[in-house]
Amino acid sequence: MNSKRYLLILLLTTLLAGCGQIGPLYLPDDVQAAKKNKQL
């Protein structure tokens, strides 16, 4: 039971850590935000 819980937590943390960063979870909105930040 503990191993399954550990794997679930590990999976959730990796998904949350990937949000908003360049990688598999990269979104077009992030590209637009980056362009706006560069213009400023």
PDB file of N, CA and C in Angstrom:
ATOM      1  N   MET A   1       0.830  -1.209   0.000  1.00  0.00           N
ATOM      2  CA  MET A   1       0.000   0.000   0.000  1.00  0.00           C
ATOM      3  C   MET A   1       0.865   1.260   0.000  1.00  0.00           C
ATOM      4  N   ASN A   2       1.911   1.253   0.812  1.00  0.00           N
ATOM      5  CA  ASN A   2       2.754   2.446   0.894  1.00  0.00           C
ATOM      6  C   ASN A   2       3.455   2.739  -0.426  1.00  0.00           C
ATOM      7  N   SER A   3       3.851   1.705  -1.142  1.00  0.00           N
ATOM      8  CA  SER A   3       4.553   1.910  -2.411  1.00  0.00           C
ATOM      9  C   SER A   3       3.623   2.546  -3.437  1.00  0.00           C
ATOM     10  N   LYS A   4       2.364   2.141  -3.446  1.00  0.00           N
ATOM     11  CA  LYS A   4       1.409   2.732  -4.390  1.00  0.00           C
ATOM     12  C   LYS A   4       1.172   4.197  -4.062  1.00  0.00           C
ATOM     13  N   ARG A   5       1.053   4.490  -2.783  1.00  0.00           N
ATOM     14  CA  ARG A   5       0.839   5.879  -2.361  1.00  0.00           C
ATOM     15  C   ARG A   5       2.053   6.727  -2.727  1.00  0.00           C
ATOM     16  N   TYR A   6       3.251   6.172  -2.536  1.00  0.00           N
ATOM     17  CA  TYR A   6       4.482   6.885  -2.868  1.00  0.00           C
ATOM     18  C   TYR A   6       4.554   7.193  -4.359  1.00  0.00           C
ATOM     19  N   LEU A   7       4.195   6.214  -5.186  1.00  0.00           N
ATOM     20  CA  LEU A   7       4.217   6.415  -6.636  1.00  0.00           C
ATOM     21  C   LEU A   7       3.193   7.464  -7.056  1.00  0.00           C
ATOM     22  N   LEU A   8       2.029   7.465  -6.420  1.00  0.00           N
ATOM     23  CA  LEU A   8       0.987   8.434  -6.746  1.00  0.00           C
ATOM     24  C   LEU A   8       1.451   9.848  -6.407  1.00  0.00           C
ATOM     25  N   ILE A   9       2.047  10.012  -5.234  1.00  0.00           N
ATOM     26  CA  ILE A   9       2.555  11.327  -4.830  1.00  0.00           C
ATOM     27  C   ILE A   9       3.667  11.780  -5.772  1.00  0.00           C
ATOM     28  N   LEU A  10       4.546  10.858  -6.132  1.00  0.00           N
ATOM     29  CA  LEU A  10       5.644  11.189  -7.040  1.00  0.00           C
ATOM     30  C   LEU A  10       5.109  11.636  -8.395  1.00  0.00           C
ATOM     31  N   LEU A  11       4.085  10.940  -8.888  1.00  0.00           N
ATOM     32  CA  LEU A  11       3.486  11.287 -10.172  1.00  0.00           C
ATOM     33  C   LEU A  11       2.836  12.666 -10.115  1.00  0.00           C
ATOM     34  N   LEU A  12       2.092  12.936  -9.052  1.00  0.00           N
ATOM     35  CA  LEU A  12       1.414  14.226  -8.919  1.00  0.00           C
ATOM     36  C   LEU A  12       2.418  15.372  -8.820  1.00  0.00           C
ATOM     37  N   THR A  13       3.482  15.182  -8.059  1.00  0.00           N
ATOM     38  CA  THR A  13       4.470  16.247  -7.902  1.00  0.00           C
ATOM     39  C   THR A  13       5.192  16.535  -9.215  1.00  0.00           C
ATOM     40  N   THR A  14       5.471  15.497  -9.998  1.00  0.00           N
ATOM     41  CA  THR A  14       6.148  15.723 -11.277  1.00  0.00           C
ATOM     42  C   THR A  14       5.225  16.451 -12.246  1.00  0.00           C
ATOM     43  N   LEU A  15       3.935  16.135 -12.211  1.00  0.00           N
ATOM     44  CA  LEU A  15       2.988  16.821 -13.093  1.00  0.00           C
ATOM     45  C   LEU A  15       2.854  18.283 -12.688  1.00  0.00           C
ATOM     46  N   LEU A  16       2.764  18.540 -11.386  1.00  0.00           N
ATOM     47  CA  LEU A  16       2.622  19.912 -10.913  1.00  0.00           C
ATOM     48  C   LEU A  16       3.887  20.712 -11.196  1.00  0.00           C
ATOM     49  N   ALA A  17       5.042  20.076 -11.055  1.00  0.00           N
ATOM     50  CA  ALA A  17       6.307  20.766 -11.287  1.00  0.00           C
ATOM     51  C   ALA A  17       6.467  21.131 -12.762  1.00  0.00           C
ATOM     52  N   GLY A  18       5.855  20.356 -13.654  1.00  0.00           N
ATOM     53  CA  GLY A  18       5.992  20.603 -15.083  1.00  0.00           C
ATOM     54  C   GLY A  18       5.092  21.720 -15.594  1.00  0.00           C
ATOM     55  N   CYS A  19       4.102  22.135 -14.814  1.00  0.00           N
ATOM     56  CA  CYS A  19       3.159  23.157 -15.275  1.00  0.00           C
ATOM     57  C   CYS A  19       3.866  24.487 -15.515  1.00  0.00           C
ATOM     58  N   GLY A  20       3.643  25.080 -16.684  1.00  0.00           N
ATOM     59  CA  GLY A  20       4.190  26.397 -16.977  1.00  0.00           C
ATOM     60  C   GLY A  20       5.658  26.369 -17.364  1.00  0.00           C
ATOM     61  N   GLN A  21       6.225  25.217 -17.570  1.00  0.00           N
ATOM     62  CA  GLN A  21       7.633  25.134 -17.940  1.00  0.00           C
ATOM     63  C   GLN A  21       7.778  24.486 -19.310  1.00  0.00           C
ATOM     64  N   ILE A  22       8.928  24.731 -19.942  1.00  0.00           N
ATOM     65  CA  ILE A  22       9.174  24.142 -21.255  1.00  0.00           C
ATOM     66  C   ILE A  22       9.347  22.634 -21.095  1.00  0.00           C
ATOM     67  N   GLY A  23       8.541  21.876 -21.821  1.00  0.00           N
ATOM     68  CA  GLY A  23       8.598  20.425 -21.706  1.00  0.00           C
ATOM     69  C   GLY A  23       7.337  19.798 -22.264  1.00  0.00           C
ATOM     70  N   PRO A  24       6.995  18.607 -21.805  1.00  0.00           N
ATOM     71  CA  PRO A  24       5.817  17.894 -22.306  1.00  0.00           C
ATOM     72  C   PRO A  24       4.525  18.661 -22.073  1.00  0.00           C
ATOM     73  N   LEU A  25       4.477  19.462 -20.999  1.00  0.00           N
ATOM     74  CA  LEU A  25       3.250  20.184 -20.662  1.00  0.00           C
ATOM     75  C   LEU A  25       3.292  21.623 -21.159  1.00  0.00           C
ATOM     76  N   TYR A  26       4.141  21.887 -22.146  1.00  0.00           N
ATOM     77  CA  TYR A  26       4.291  23.252 -22.664  1.00  0.00           C
ATOM     78  C   TYR A  26       3.027  23.693 -23.395  1.00  0.00           C
ATOM     79  N   LEU A  27       2.506  24.866 -23.048  1.00  0.00           N
ATOM     80  CA  LEU A  27       1.259  25.361 -23.636  1.00  0.00           C
ATOM     81  C   LEU A  27       1.511  26.605 -24.490  1.00  0.00           C
ATOM     82  N   PRO A  28       0.722  26.819 -25.531  1.00  0.00           N
ATOM     83  CA  PRO A  28       0.847  28.018 -26.374  1.00  0.00           C
ATOM     84  C   PRO A  28       0.702  29.311 -25.565  1.00  0.00           C
ATOM     85  N   ASP A  29      -0.118  29.286 -24.514  1.00  0.00           N
ATOM     86  CA  ASP A  29      -0.285  30.474 -23.676  1.00  0.00           C
ATOM     87  C   ASP A  29       1.043  30.882 -23.042  1.00  0.00           C
ATOM     88  N   ASP A  30       1.865  29.918 -22.712  1.00  0.00           N
ATOM     89  CA  ASP A  30       3.166  30.211 -22.131  1.00  0.00           C
ATOM     90  C   ASP A  30       4.055  30.923 -23.142  1.00  0.00           C
ATOM     91  N   VAL A  31       3.918  30.578 -24.409  1.00  0.00           N
ATOM     92  CA  VAL A  31       4.700  31.223 -25.462  1.00  0.00           C
ATOM     93  C   VAL A  31       4.291  32.692 -25.569  1.00  0.00           C
ATOM     94  N   GLN A  32       3.000  32.943 -25.552  1.00  0.00           N
ATOM     95  CA  GLN A  32       2.504  34.316 -25.651  1.00  0.00           C
ATOM     96  C   GLN A  32       2.954  35.132 -24.446  1.00  0.00           C
ATOM     97  N   ALA A  33       2.898  34.546 -23.269  1.00  0.00           N
ATOM     98  CA  ALA A  33       3.318  35.250 -22.058  1.00  0.00           C
ATOM     99  C   ALA A  33       4.811  35.574 -22.114  1.00  0.00           C
ATOM    100  N   ALA A  34       5.603  34.654 -22.629  1.00  0.00           N
ATOM    101  CA  ALA A  34       7.046  34.874 -22.734  1.00  0.00           C
ATOM    102  C   ALA A  34       7.340  36.015 -23.705  1.00  0.00           C
ATOM    103  N   LYS A  35       6.602  36.072 -24.809  1.00  0.00           N
ATOM    104  CA  LYS A  35       6.805  37.146 -25.780  1.00  0.00           C
ATOM    105  C   LYS A  35       6.448  38.499 -25.172  1.00  0.00           C
ATOM    106  N   LYS A  36       5.370  38.552 -24.406  1.00  0.00           N
ATOM    107  CA  LYS A  36       4.968  39.801 -23.757  1.00  0.00           C
ATOM    108  C   LYS A  36       6.031  40.251 -22.767  1.00  0.00           C
ATOM    109  N   ASN A  37       6.593  39.306 -22.020  1.00  0.00           N
ATOM    110  CA  ASN A  37       7.620  39.639 -21.040  1.00  0.00           C
ATOM    111  C   ASN A  37       8.884  40.154 -21.721  1.00  0.00           C
ATOM    112  N   LYS A  38       9.212  39.617 -22.883  1.00  0.00           N
ATOM    113  CA  LYS A  38      10.403  40.067 -23.602  1.00  0.00           C
ATOM    114  C   LYS A  38      10.208  41.479 -24.146  1.00  0.00           C
ATOM    115  N   GLN A  39       8.981  41.809 -24.552  1.00  0.00           N
ATOM    116  CA  GLN A  39       8.708  43.145 -25.077  1.00  0.00           C
ATOM    117  C   GLN A  39       8.823  44.189 -23.973  1.00  0.00           C
ATOM    118  N   LEU A  40       8.438  43.823 -22.747  1.00  0.00           N
ATOM    119  CA  LEU A  40       8.553  44.744 -21.624  1.00  0.00           C
ATOM    120  C   LEU A  40      10.012  44.848 -21.234  1.00  0.00           C
TER     121      LEU A  40
END
